[in-house]
PDB file of N, CA and C in Angstrom:
ATOM      1  N   MET A   1      20.116 -77.339  26.900  1.00  0.00           N
ATOM      2  CA  MET A   1      19.224 -77.500  27.868  1.00  0.00           C
ATOM      3  C   MET A   1      19.648 -77.458  28.871  1.00  0.00           C
ATOM      4  N   THR A   2      19.369 -76.640  29.753  1.00  0.00           N
ATOM      5  CA  THR A   2      20.409 -76.375  30.916  1.00  0.00           C
ATOM      6  C   THR A   2      19.855 -76.881  32.459  1.00  0.00           C
ATOM      7  N   GLU A   3      20.669 -77.064  33.064  1.00  0.00           N
ATOM      8  CA  GLU A   3      19.815 -78.101  34.472  1.00  0.00           C
ATOM      9  C   GLU A   3      20.562 -77.392  35.581  1.00  0.00           C
ATOM     10  N   ASN A   4      19.879 -77.523  36.618  1.00  0.00           N
ATOM     11  CA  ASN A   4      20.390 -76.927  38.066  1.00  0.00           C
ATOM     12  C   ASN A   4      19.579 -77.721  39.329  1.00  0.00           C
ATOM     13  N   MET A   5      20.587 -77.793  40.624  1.00  0.00           N
ATOM     14  CA  MET A   5      20.354 -78.342  41.430  1.00  0.00           C
ATOM     15  C   MET A   5      19.223 -77.358  42.079  1.00  0.00           C
ATOM     16  N   ILE A   6      18.336 -78.139  43.000  1.00  0.00           N
ATOM     17  CA  ILE A   6      17.524 -76.907  44.158  1.00  0.00           C
ATOM     18  C   ILE A   6      18.340 -76.816  45.222  1.00  0.00           C
ATOM     19  N   SER A   7      17.991 -75.595  45.251  1.00  0.00           N
ATOM     20  CA  SER A   7      18.567 -74.545  46.639  1.00  0.00           C
ATOM     21  C   SER A   7      18.411 -75.252  48.270  1.00  0.00           C
ATOM     22  N   THR A   8      19.214 -75.451  48.870  1.00  0.00           N
ATOM     23  CA  THR A   8      19.108 -75.983  50.051  1.00  0.00           C
ATOM     24  C   THR A   8      18.408 -75.359  50.907  1.00  0.00           C
ATOM     25  N   GLU A   9      17.514 -74.411  50.462  1.00  0.00           N
ATOM     26  CA  GLU A   9      16.418 -73.797  51.435  1.00  0.00           C
ATOM     27  C   GLU A   9      15.004 -74.537  50.916  1.00  0.00           C
ATOM     28  N   ASP A  10      15.235 -75.359  49.533  1.00  0.00           N
ATOM     29  CA  ASP A  10      14.071 -76.092  49.457  1.00  0.00           C
ATOM     30  C   ASP A  10      14.090 -77.437  49.587  1.00  0.00           C
ATOM     31  N   LYS A  11      12.739 -77.542  50.620  1.00  0.00           N
ATOM     32  CA  LYS A  11      12.696 -78.941  51.119  1.00  0.00           C
ATOM     33  C   LYS A  11      11.934 -80.158  50.400  1.00  0.00           C
ATOM     34  N   PHE A  12      12.631 -80.382  49.445  1.00  0.00           N
ATOM     35  CA  PHE A  12      11.959 -81.585  48.106  1.00  0.00           C
ATOM     36  C   PHE A  12      12.838 -82.733  48.158  1.00  0.00           C
ATOM     37  N   SER A  13      12.316 -83.442  47.788  1.00  0.00           N
ATOM     38  CA  SER A  13      12.893 -84.964  47.704  1.00  0.00           C
ATOM     39  C   SER A  13      14.105 -84.947  46.357  1.00  0.00           C
ATOM     40  N   PRO A  14      15.197 -85.769  46.771  1.00  0.00           N
ATOM     41  CA  PRO A  14      16.146 -85.502  46.093  1.00  0.00           C
ATOM     42  C   PRO A  14      16.370 -85.898  44.119  1.00  0.00           C
ATOM     43  N   ASP A  15      14.936 -86.236  43.992  1.00  0.00           N
ATOM     44  CA  ASP A  15      14.434 -86.896  43.183  1.00  0.00           C
ATOM     45  C   ASP A  15      13.967 -86.160  42.015  1.00  0.00           C
ATOM     46  N   VAL A  16      13.755 -84.568  42.556  1.00  0.00           N
ATOM     47  CA  VAL A  16      13.544 -83.290  42.106  1.00  0.00           C
ATOM     48  C   VAL A  16      14.913 -82.716  40.928  1.00  0.00           C
ATOM     49  N   SER A  17      14.311 -82.403  39.716  1.00  0.00           N
ATOM     50  CA  SER A  17      15.334 -82.087  38.518  1.00  0.00           C
ATOM     51  C   SER A  17      14.404 -81.001  38.043  1.00  0.00           C
ATOM     52  N   LEU A  18      15.449 -79.877  37.873  1.00  0.00           N
ATOM     53  CA  LEU A  18      15.000 -78.497  36.920  1.00  0.00           C
ATOM     54  C   LEU A  18      15.968 -78.252  35.423  1.00  0.00           C
ATOM     55  N   SER A  19      15.023 -77.892  34.515  1.00  0.00           N
ATOM     56  CA  SER A  19      15.848 -78.212  33.621  1.00  0.00           C
ATOM     57  C   SER A  19      15.065 -76.989  32.184  1.00  0.00           C
ATOM     58  N   ARG A  20      15.879 -76.639  31.253  1.00  0.00           N
ATOM     59  CA  ARG A  20      15.187 -75.677  30.142  1.00  0.00           C
ATOM     60  C   ARG A  20      15.209 -76.402  28.638  1.00  0.00           C
ATOM     61  N   ASP A  21      13.957 -76.620  28.552  1.00  0.00           N
ATOM     62  CA  ASP A  21      14.211 -77.784  27.438  1.00  0.00           C
ATOM     63  C   ASP A  21      13.874 -77.003  26.020  1.00  0.00           C
ATOM     64  N   ASP A  22      14.896 -76.497  25.650  1.00  0.00           N
ATOM     65  CA  ASP A  22      14.924 -75.752  24.087  1.00  0.00           C
ATOM     66  C   ASP A  22      13.866 -76.122  23.407  1.00  0.00           C
ATOM     67  N   GLU A  23      14.173 -77.215  22.814  1.00  0.00           N
ATOM     68  CA  GLU A  23      13.654 -77.912  21.449  1.00  0.00           C
ATOM     69  C   GLU A  23      11.677 -77.908  21.870  1.00  0.00           C
ATOM     70  N   HIS A  24      11.425 -77.880  23.148  1.00  0.00           N
ATOM     71  CA  HIS A  24       9.950 -77.866  23.230  1.00  0.00           C
ATOM     72  C   HIS A  24       9.880 -76.420  23.906  1.00  0.00           C
ATOM     73  N   HIS A  25      10.301 -75.967  24.157  1.00  0.00           N
ATOM     74  CA  HIS A  25      10.004 -74.056  24.362  1.00  0.00           C
ATOM     75  C   HIS A  25       9.544 -74.022  25.656  1.00  0.00           C
ATOM     76  N   ARG A  26      10.202 -74.785  26.632  1.00  0.00           N
ATOM     77  CA  ARG A  26       9.901 -74.762  28.423  1.00  0.00           C
ATOM     78  C   ARG A  26      10.616 -75.246  29.169  1.00  0.00           C
ATOM     79  N   TYR A  27      10.289 -74.612  30.015  1.00  0.00           N
ATOM     80  CA  TYR A  27      10.941 -75.218  31.435  1.00  0.00           C
ATOM     81  C   TYR A  27      10.602 -76.160  32.496  1.00  0.00           C
ATOM     82  N   GLU A  28      11.065 -77.501  32.864  1.00  0.00           N
ATOM     83  CA  GLU A  28      10.259 -78.387  33.087  1.00  0.00           C
ATOM     84  C   GLU A  28      11.002 -78.574  35.018  1.00  0.00           C
ATOM     85  N   LEU A  29       9.945 -78.969  35.438  1.00  0.00           N
ATOM     86  CA  LEU A  29      10.596 -79.540  36.733  1.00  0.00           C
ATOM     87  C   LEU A  29       9.685 -80.957  37.010  1.00  0.00           C
ATOM     88  N   ARG A  30      11.101 -81.809  37.409  1.00  0.00           N
ATOM     89  CA  ARG A  30      10.625 -83.472  36.929  1.00  0.00           C
ATOM     90  C   ARG A  30      10.769 -84.208  38.648  1.00  0.00           C
ATOM     91  N   VAL A  31       9.696 -84.556  39.162  1.00  0.00           N
ATOM     92  CA  VAL A  31       9.769 -85.587  39.984  1.00  0.00           C
ATOM     93  C   VAL A  31       9.792 -86.971  39.516  1.00  0.00           C
ATOM     94  N   GLY A  32      10.889 -87.830  40.171  1.00  0.00           N
ATOM     95  CA  GLY A  32      11.244 -89.332  39.972  1.00  0.00           C
ATOM     96  C   GLY A  32      11.238 -89.545  38.476  1.00  0.00           C
ATOM     97  N   GLY A  33      11.433 -88.167  37.746  1.00  0.00           N
ATOM     98  CA  GLY A  33      11.739 -88.667  36.004  1.00  0.00           C
ATOM     99  C   GLY A  33      10.375 -88.131  35.273  1.00  0.00           C
ATOM    100  N   LYS A  34       9.579 -87.692  36.275  1.00  0.00           N
ATOM    101  CA  LYS A  34       7.881 -87.501  35.652  1.00  0.00           C
ATOM    102  C   LYS A  34       7.997 -86.190  35.577  1.00  0.00           C
ATOM    103  N   VAL A  35       7.239 -85.148  34.379  1.00  0.00           N
ATOM    104  CA  VAL A  35       7.521 -84.356  34.436  1.00  0.00           C
ATOM    105  C   VAL A  35       6.090 -83.843  35.222  1.00  0.00           C
ATOM    106  N   ALA A  36       6.467 -82.698  36.621  1.00  0.00           N
ATOM    107  CA  ALA A  36       5.574 -82.471  37.429  1.00  0.00           C
ATOM    108  C   ALA A  36       5.115 -80.949  37.356  1.00  0.00           C
ATOM    109  N   VAL A  37       5.812 -80.063  36.651  1.00  0.00           N
ATOM    110  CA  VAL A  37       5.440 -78.744  36.179  1.00  0.00           C
ATOM    111  C   VAL A  37       6.342 -78.152  35.170  1.00  0.00           C
ATOM    112  N   GLN A  38       5.744 -77.391  33.845  1.00  0.00           N
ATOM    113  CA  GLN A  38       6.171 -77.181  33.134  1.00  0.00           C
ATOM    114  C   GLN A  38       5.833 -75.711  32.525  1.00  0.00           C
ATOM    115  N   SER A  39       6.550 -74.951  32.099  1.00  0.00           N
ATOM    116  CA  SER A  39       6.360 -73.461  31.741  1.00  0.00           C
ATOM    117  C   SER A  39       6.906 -72.894  30.663  1.00  0.00           C
ATOM    118  N   PHE A  40       5.799 -73.068  29.779  1.00  0.00           N
ATOM    119  CA  PHE A  40       5.968 -72.494  28.354  1.00  0.00           C
ATOM    120  C   PHE A  40       6.392 -71.178  27.972  1.00  0.00           C
ATOM    121  N   PHE A  41       7.494 -71.153  27.039  1.00  0.00           N
ATOM    122  CA  PHE A  41       7.972 -69.666  26.664  1.00  0.00           C
ATOM    123  C   PHE A  41       8.152 -69.505  25.185  1.00  0.00           C
ATOM    124  N   ARG A  42       8.194 -68.262  24.872  1.00  0.00           N
ATOM    125  CA  ARG A  42       8.951 -67.979  23.391  1.00  0.00           C
ATOM    126  C   ARG A  42       9.997 -67.329  23.312  1.00  0.00           C
ATOM    127  N   ASP A  43      11.248 -67.819  22.900  1.00  0.00           N
ATOM    128  CA  ASP A  43      12.420 -67.196  22.923  1.00  0.00           C
ATOM    129  C   ASP A  43      12.576 -66.073  22.039  1.00  0.00           C
ATOM    130  N   LEU A  44      12.557 -64.923  22.508  1.00  0.00           N
ATOM    131  CA  LEU A  44      12.777 -63.684  21.322  1.00  0.00           C
ATOM    132  C   LEU A  44      14.213 -62.662  21.598  1.00  0.00           C
ATOM    133  N   PRO A  45      14.246 -62.091  20.530  1.00  0.00           N
ATOM    134  CA  PRO A  45      15.242 -61.330  20.774  1.00  0.00           C
ATOM    135  C   PRO A  45      15.514 -60.727  21.753  1.00  0.00           C
ATOM    136  N   GLY A  46      16.328 -60.729  22.813  1.00  0.00           N
ATOM    137  CA  GLY A  46      16.524 -59.704  23.954  1.00  0.00           C
ATOM    138  C   GLY A  46      15.196 -60.043  25.181  1.00  0.00           C
ATOM    139  N   HIS A  47      14.699 -60.871  24.646  1.00  0.00           N
ATOM    140  CA  HIS A  47      13.561 -61.416  26.130  1.00  0.00           C
ATOM    141  C   HIS A  47      12.880 -62.970  26.052  1.00  0.00           C
ATOM    142  N   VAL A  48      12.484 -63.425  27.494  1.00  0.00           N
ATOM    143  CA  VAL A  48      11.916 -64.424  27.030  1.00  0.00           C
ATOM    144  C   VAL A  48      10.292 -64.280  27.300  1.00  0.00           C
ATOM    145  N   ASP A  49       9.536 -64.575  26.754  1.00  0.00           N
ATOM    146  CA  ASP A  49       7.999 -64.502  27.015  1.00  0.00           C
ATOM    147  C   ASP A  49       7.272 -65.497  27.483  1.00  0.00           C
ATOM    148  N   PHE A  50       7.001 -65.543  28.745  1.00  0.00           N
ATOM    149  CA  PHE A  50       6.304 -66.498  29.580  1.00  0.00           C
ATOM    150  C   PHE A  50       4.560 -66.798  29.156  1.00  0.00           C
ATOM    151  N   LEU A  51       4.544 -67.756  28.568  1.00  0.00           N
ATOM    152  CA  LEU A  51       3.126 -67.945  27.898  1.00  0.00           C
ATOM    153  C   LEU A  51       1.856 -68.571  28.915  1.00  0.00           C
ATOM    154  N   HIS A  52       2.425 -69.637  29.587  1.00  0.00           N
ATOM    155  CA  HIS A  52       1.505 -70.562  30.421  1.00  0.00           C
ATOM    156  C   HIS A  52       2.111 -71.716  31.349  1.00  0.00           C
ATOM    157  N   THR A  53       2.086 -71.964  32.305  1.00  0.00           N
ATOM    158  CA  THR A  53       2.360 -73.012  33.394  1.00  0.00           C
ATOM    159  C   THR A  53       1.594 -73.974  33.772  1.00  0.00           C
ATOM    160  N   ASP A  54       2.046 -75.118  33.707  1.00  0.00           N
ATOM    161  CA  ASP A  54       1.110 -75.985  33.861  1.00  0.00           C
ATOM    162  C   ASP A  54       1.718 -77.117  34.980  1.00  0.00           C
ATOM    163  N   THR A  55       0.639 -77.370  35.943  1.00  0.00           N
ATOM    164  CA  THR A  55       0.983 -78.114  36.930  1.00  0.00           C
ATOM    165  C   THR A  55       0.362 -79.872  36.684  1.00  0.00           C
ATOM    166  N   VAL A  56       0.734 -80.631  36.764  1.00  0.00           N
ATOM    167  CA  VAL A  56       0.319 -81.919  36.615  1.00  0.00           C
ATOM    168  C   VAL A  56      -0.381 -82.295  37.932  1.00  0.00           C
ATOM    169  N   GLU A  57      -2.009 -82.646  38.190  1.00  0.00           N
ATOM    170  CA  GLU A  57      -2.735 -82.497  39.283  1.00  0.00           C
ATOM    171  C   GLU A  57      -2.001 -83.168  40.314  1.00  0.00           C
ATOM    172  N   ASP A  58      -1.411 -84.264  40.193  1.00  0.00           N
ATOM    173  CA  ASP A  58      -0.840 -85.177  41.433  1.00  0.00           C
ATOM    174  C   ASP A  58       0.370 -84.271  42.046  1.00  0.00           C
ATOM    175  N   PHE A  59       0.850 -83.139  41.559  1.00  0.00           N
ATOM    176  CA  PHE A  59       1.774 -82.360  42.050  1.00  0.00           C
ATOM    177  C   PHE A  59       1.312 -81.120  42.848  1.00  0.00           C
ATOM    178  N   LYS A  60      -0.145 -80.657  42.326  1.00  0.00           N
ATOM    179  CA  LYS A  60      -0.576 -79.533  42.864  1.00  0.00           C
ATOM    180  C   LYS A  60      -0.468 -79.130  44.491  1.00  0.00           C
ATOM    181  N   GLY A  61      -0.526 -77.675  45.017  1.00  0.00           N
ATOM    182  CA  GLY A  61      -0.454 -77.747  46.012  1.00  0.00           C
ATOM    183  C   GLY A  61       0.981 -78.092  46.848  1.00  0.00           C
ATOM    184  N   GLN A  62       1.744 -78.207  46.320  1.00  0.00           N
ATOM    185  CA  GLN A  62       2.955 -78.390  46.835  1.00  0.00           C
ATOM    186  C   GLN A  62       4.307 -77.552  46.838  1.00  0.00           C
ATOM    187  N   GLY A  63       3.901 -76.485  46.142  1.00  0.00           N
ATOM    188  CA  GLY A  63       4.859 -75.165  45.976  1.00  0.00           C
ATOM    189  C   GLY A  63       5.919 -75.817  44.801  1.00  0.00           C
ATOM    190  N   LEU A  64       5.910 -76.437  44.015  1.00  0.00           N
ATOM    191  CA  LEU A  64       6.710 -76.852  43.107  1.00  0.00           C
ATOM    192  C   LEU A  64       6.535 -76.007  41.900  1.00  0.00           C
ATOM    193  N   GLY A  65       5.755 -75.221  41.644  1.00  0.00           N
ATOM    194  CA  GLY A  65       5.634 -74.424  40.582  1.00  0.00           C
ATOM    195  C   GLY A  65       6.265 -73.267  41.193  1.00  0.00           C
ATOM    196  N   LYS A  66       6.453 -72.804  42.294  1.00  0.00           N
ATOM    197  CA  LYS A  66       7.068 -71.264  42.838  1.00  0.00           C
ATOM    198  C   LYS A  66       8.741 -71.964  42.438  1.00  0.00           C
ATOM    199  N   VAL A  67       9.271 -73.071  42.781  1.00  0.00           N
ATOM    200  CA  VAL A  67      10.603 -73.356  42.433  1.00  0.00           C
ATOM    201  C   VAL A  67      11.163 -73.626  41.107  1.00  0.00           C
ATOM    202  N   LEU A  68      10.385 -74.046  40.325  1.00  0.00           N
ATOM    203  CA  LEU A  68       9.844 -73.789  38.650  1.00  0.00           C
ATOM    204  C   LEU A  68      10.471 -72.039  38.618  1.00  0.00           C
ATOM    205  N   ALA A  69       9.350 -71.761  38.784  1.00  0.00           N
ATOM    206  CA  ALA A  69       9.343 -70.079  38.431  1.00  0.00           C
ATOM    207  C   ALA A  69      10.720 -69.329  38.688  1.00  0.00           C
ATOM    208  N   HIS A  70      11.126 -69.659  40.162  1.00  0.00           N
ATOM    209  CA  HIS A  70      12.365 -69.310  40.550  1.00  0.00           C
ATOM    210  C   HIS A  70      13.611 -69.432  39.833  1.00  0.00           C
ATOM    211  N   PHE A  71      13.445 -70.999  39.310  1.00  0.00           N
ATOM    212  CA  PHE A  71      14.698 -71.337  38.660  1.00  0.00           C
ATOM    213  C   PHE A  71      14.606 -70.806  37.124  1.00  0.00           C
ATOM    214  N   ALA A  72      13.223 -70.603  36.734  1.00  0.00           N
ATOM    215  CA  ALA A  72      13.124 -70.315  35.207  1.00  0.00           C
ATOM    216  C   ALA A  72      13.349 -68.909  34.970  1.00  0.00           C
ATOM    217  N   LEU A  73      13.067 -68.024  36.454  1.00  0.00           N
ATOM    218  CA  LEU A  73      13.736 -66.087  36.264  1.00  0.00           C
ATOM    219  C   LEU A  73      15.047 -66.031  36.243  1.00  0.00           C
ATOM    220  N   ASP A  74      15.576 -67.171  37.033  1.00  0.00           N
ATOM    221  CA  ASP A  74      16.942 -66.730  37.838  1.00  0.00           C
ATOM    222  C   ASP A  74      17.809 -67.230  35.928  1.00  0.00           C
ATOM    223  N   ASP A  75      17.443 -68.166  35.264  1.00  0.00           N
ATOM    224  CA  ASP A  75      18.138 -68.498  34.237  1.00  0.00           C
ATOM    225  C   ASP A  75      17.657 -67.663  33.292  1.00  0.00           C
ATOM    226  N   VAL A  76      16.534 -66.845  33.135  1.00  0.00           N
ATOM    227  CA  VAL A  76      16.411 -65.753  31.786  1.00  0.00           C
ATOM    228  C   VAL A  76      17.544 -64.318  32.126  1.00  0.00           C
ATOM    229  N   VAL A  77      17.196 -64.050  33.634  1.00  0.00           N
ATOM    230  CA  VAL A  77      18.160 -62.986  34.197  1.00  0.00           C
ATOM    231  C   VAL A  77      19.757 -63.089  33.681  1.00  0.00           C
ATOM    232  N   ALA A  78      20.119 -64.182  33.926  1.00  0.00           N
ATOM    233  CA  ALA A  78      21.432 -64.886  33.876  1.00  0.00           C
ATOM    234  C   ALA A  78      21.900 -64.894  32.300  1.00  0.00           C
ATOM    235  N   SER A  79      20.600 -64.949  31.980  1.00  0.00           N
ATOM    236  CA  SER A  79      21.214 -65.025  29.958  1.00  0.00           C
ATOM    237  C   SER A  79      21.035 -63.637  29.897  1.00  0.00           C
ATOM    238  N   GLY A  80      20.859 -62.530  30.452  1.00  0.00           N
ATOM    239  CA  GLY A  80      21.054 -61.404  29.873  1.00  0.00           C
ATOM    240  C   GLY A  80      19.825 -61.189  29.396  1.00  0.00           C
ATOM    241  N   LYS A  81      19.032 -61.628  29.076  1.00  0.00           N
ATOM    242  CA  LYS A  81      17.523 -61.181  28.405  1.00  0.00           C
ATOM    243  C   LYS A  81      16.330 -60.746  29.542  1.00  0.00           C
ATOM    244  N   ARG A  82      15.265 -60.143  29.126  1.00  0.00           N
ATOM    245  CA  ARG A  82      14.405 -59.332  29.959  1.00  0.00           C
ATOM    246  C   ARG A  82      12.931 -60.712  29.862  1.00  0.00           C
ATOM    247  N   ILE A  83      12.530 -60.440  30.975  1.00  0.00           N
ATOM    248  CA  ILE A  83      11.112 -61.405  31.209  1.00  0.00           C
ATOM    249  C   ILE A  83       9.743 -60.586  30.590  1.00  0.00           C
ATOM    250  N   ILE A  84       8.836 -61.001  29.793  1.00  0.00           N
ATOM    251  CA  ILE A  84       7.317 -60.585  29.621  1.00  0.00           C
ATOM    252  C   ILE A  84       6.869 -61.629  30.320  1.00  0.00           C
ATOM    253  N   PRO A  85       5.794 -61.249  31.465  1.00  0.00           N
ATOM    254  CA  PRO A  85       5.245 -62.361  31.879  1.00  0.00           C
ATOM    255  C   PRO A  85       3.463 -62.365  31.258  1.00  0.00           C
ATOM    256  N   HIS A  86       3.567 -62.931  30.381  1.00  0.00           N
ATOM    257  CA  HIS A  86       2.016 -63.039  29.919  1.00  0.00           C
ATOM    258  C   HIS A  86       1.308 -64.376  30.635  1.00  0.00           C
ATOM    259  N   CYS A  87       2.256 -65.066  31.287  1.00  0.00           N
ATOM    260  CA  CYS A  87       1.564 -66.325  31.893  1.00  0.00           C
ATOM    261  C   CYS A  87       0.683 -65.664  33.356  1.00  0.00           C
ATOM    262  N   PRO A  88      -0.183 -65.839  33.959  1.00  0.00           N
ATOM    263  CA  PRO A  88      -0.514 -65.368  35.002  1.00  0.00           C
ATOM    264  C   PRO A  88      -0.475 -65.986  36.011  1.00  0.00           C
ATOM    265  N   PHE A  89       0.030 -67.244  36.282  1.00  0.00           N
ATOM    266  CA  PHE A  89       1.523 -67.715  37.342  1.00  0.00           C
ATOM    267  C   PHE A  89       2.806 -66.802  37.483  1.00  0.00           C
ATOM    268  N   ILE A  90       3.576 -66.507  36.528  1.00  0.00           N
ATOM    269  CA  ILE A  90       4.483 -66.154  36.822  1.00  0.00           C
ATOM    270  C   ILE A  90       4.175 -64.966  37.044  1.00  0.00           C
ATOM    271  N   ALA A  91       3.702 -63.945  36.220  1.00  0.00           N
ATOM    272  CA  ALA A  91       3.370 -62.461  36.392  1.00  0.00           C
ATOM    273  C   ALA A  91       3.154 -62.498  38.082  1.00  0.00           C
ATOM    274  N   GLY A  92       2.114 -63.401  38.487  1.00  0.00           N
ATOM    275  CA  GLY A  92       2.090 -63.600  40.133  1.00  0.00           C
ATOM    276  C   GLY A  92       2.718 -63.570  41.139  1.00  0.00           C
ATOM    277  N   TYR A  93       3.680 -64.548  40.473  1.00  0.00           N
ATOM    278  CA  TYR A  93       5.183 -64.892  41.158  1.00  0.00           C
ATOM    279  C   TYR A  93       6.113 -63.754  41.235  1.00  0.00           C
ATOM    280  N   LEU A  94       6.473 -63.039  39.979  1.00  0.00           N
ATOM    281  CA  LEU A  94       7.017 -61.855  40.067  1.00  0.00           C
ATOM    282  C   LEU A  94       6.246 -60.475  40.983  1.00  0.00           C
ATOM    283  N   ARG A  95       5.150 -60.515  41.205  1.00  0.00           N
ATOM    284  CA  ARG A  95       4.666 -59.194  41.860  1.00  0.00           C
ATOM    285  C   ARG A  95       4.344 -59.961  43.423  1.00  0.00           C
ATOM    286  N   ALA A  96       5.122 -60.850  43.806  1.00  0.00           N
ATOM    287  CA  ALA A  96       5.274 -61.132  45.153  1.00  0.00           C
ATOM    288  C   ALA A  96       6.750 -61.426  45.374  1.00  0.00           C
ATOM    289  N   HIS A  97       7.384 -61.790  44.632  1.00  0.00           N
ATOM    290  CA  HIS A  97       8.876 -61.681  44.865  1.00  0.00           C
ATOM    291  C   HIS A  97       9.627 -60.697  44.480  1.00  0.00           C
ATOM    292  N   GLU A  98      10.782 -59.858  45.335  1.00  0.00           N
ATOM    293  CA  GLU A  98      11.184 -58.680  44.778  1.00  0.00           C
ATOM    294  C   GLU A  98      12.640 -59.244  44.184  1.00  0.00           C
ATOM    295  N   GLY A  99      13.227 -58.643  43.415  1.00  0.00           N
ATOM    296  CA  GLY A  99      14.560 -58.882  42.704  1.00  0.00           C
ATOM    297  C   GLY A  99      14.614 -58.856  41.317  1.00  0.00           C
ATOM    298  N   TYR A 100      12.840 -58.855  40.839  1.00  0.00           N
ATOM    299  CA  TYR A 100      13.000 -59.127  39.194  1.00  0.00           C
ATOM    300  C   TYR A 100      12.823 -57.793  38.463  1.00  0.00           C
ATOM    301  N   GLU A 101      12.486 -56.848  39.498  1.00  0.00           N
ATOM    302  CA  GLU A 101      11.949 -55.404  38.705  1.00  0.00           C
ATOM    303  C   GLU A 101      12.776 -54.900  37.566  1.00  0.00           C
ATOM    304  N   GLN A 102      13.936 -55.018  37.604  1.00  0.00           N
ATOM    305  CA  GLN A 102      14.479 -54.206  36.398  1.00  0.00           C
ATOM    306  C   GLN A 102      14.580 -55.131  35.722  1.00  0.00           C
ATOM    307  N   HIS A 103      14.323 -56.351  35.286  1.00  0.00           N
ATOM    308  CA  HIS A 103      14.461 -57.215  34.150  1.00  0.00           C
ATOM    309  C   HIS A 103      13.055 -57.454  33.541  1.00  0.00           C
ATOM    310  N   ILE A 104      12.316 -56.773  33.714  1.00  0.00           N
ATOM    311  CA  ILE A 104      10.673 -57.546  33.405  1.00  0.00           C
ATOM    312  C   ILE A 104      10.204 -55.928  32.749  1.00  0.00           C
ATOM    313  N   ASP A 105       9.503 -56.984  31.638  1.00  0.00           N
ATOM    314  CA  ASP A 105       9.102 -55.613  30.531  1.00  0.00           C
ATOM    315  C   ASP A 105       7.370 -56.302  30.665  1.00  0.00           C
ATOM    316  N   TRP A 106       6.184 -55.580  31.354  1.00  0.00           N
ATOM    317  CA  TRP A 106       5.019 -56.103  31.678  1.00  0.00           C
ATOM    318  C   TRP A 106       4.550 -55.974  30.005  1.00  0.00           C
ATOM    319  N   PRO A 107       3.462 -56.794  29.814  1.00  0.00           N
ATOM    320  CA  PRO A 107       2.911 -57.014  28.281  1.00  0.00           C
ATOM    321  C   PRO A 107       1.560 -55.992  28.901  1.00  0.00           C
ATOM    322  N   ASP A 108       1.256 -55.011  27.708  1.00  0.00           N
ATOM    323  CA  ASP A 108       0.339 -54.555  27.647  1.00  0.00           C
ATOM    324  C   ASP A 108      -1.488 -55.157  28.004  1.00  0.00           C
ATOM    325  N   ASN A 109      -1.495 -56.032  27.559  1.00  0.00           N
ATOM    326  CA  ASN A 109      -2.693 -56.598  27.718  1.00  0.00           C
ATOM    327  C   ASN A 109      -2.697 -57.754  28.849  1.00  0.00           C
TER     328      ASN A 109
END
């Protein structure tokens, strides 16, 4: 499991944490110890395939999904793997944010 602090530009309370949970194949953003957002993935040779991202109802509309997407995508790039965005949320994030283009293998479907 890897963990990281939120960047200084993010304006969330200090009880927010980000991590990669390899056992459950997901990235997590926790608020006060509770999972608020999770992004599920398949770890493949040379790739991380993002499947689905969920935000708990109480945390929707706060921008937390974007924070988790940024963390997860940067983690994949840092690992030297490529991104497969089957998850519509991750795909939308990638289309809206520059800097990941050379690390993406867009799915056919």
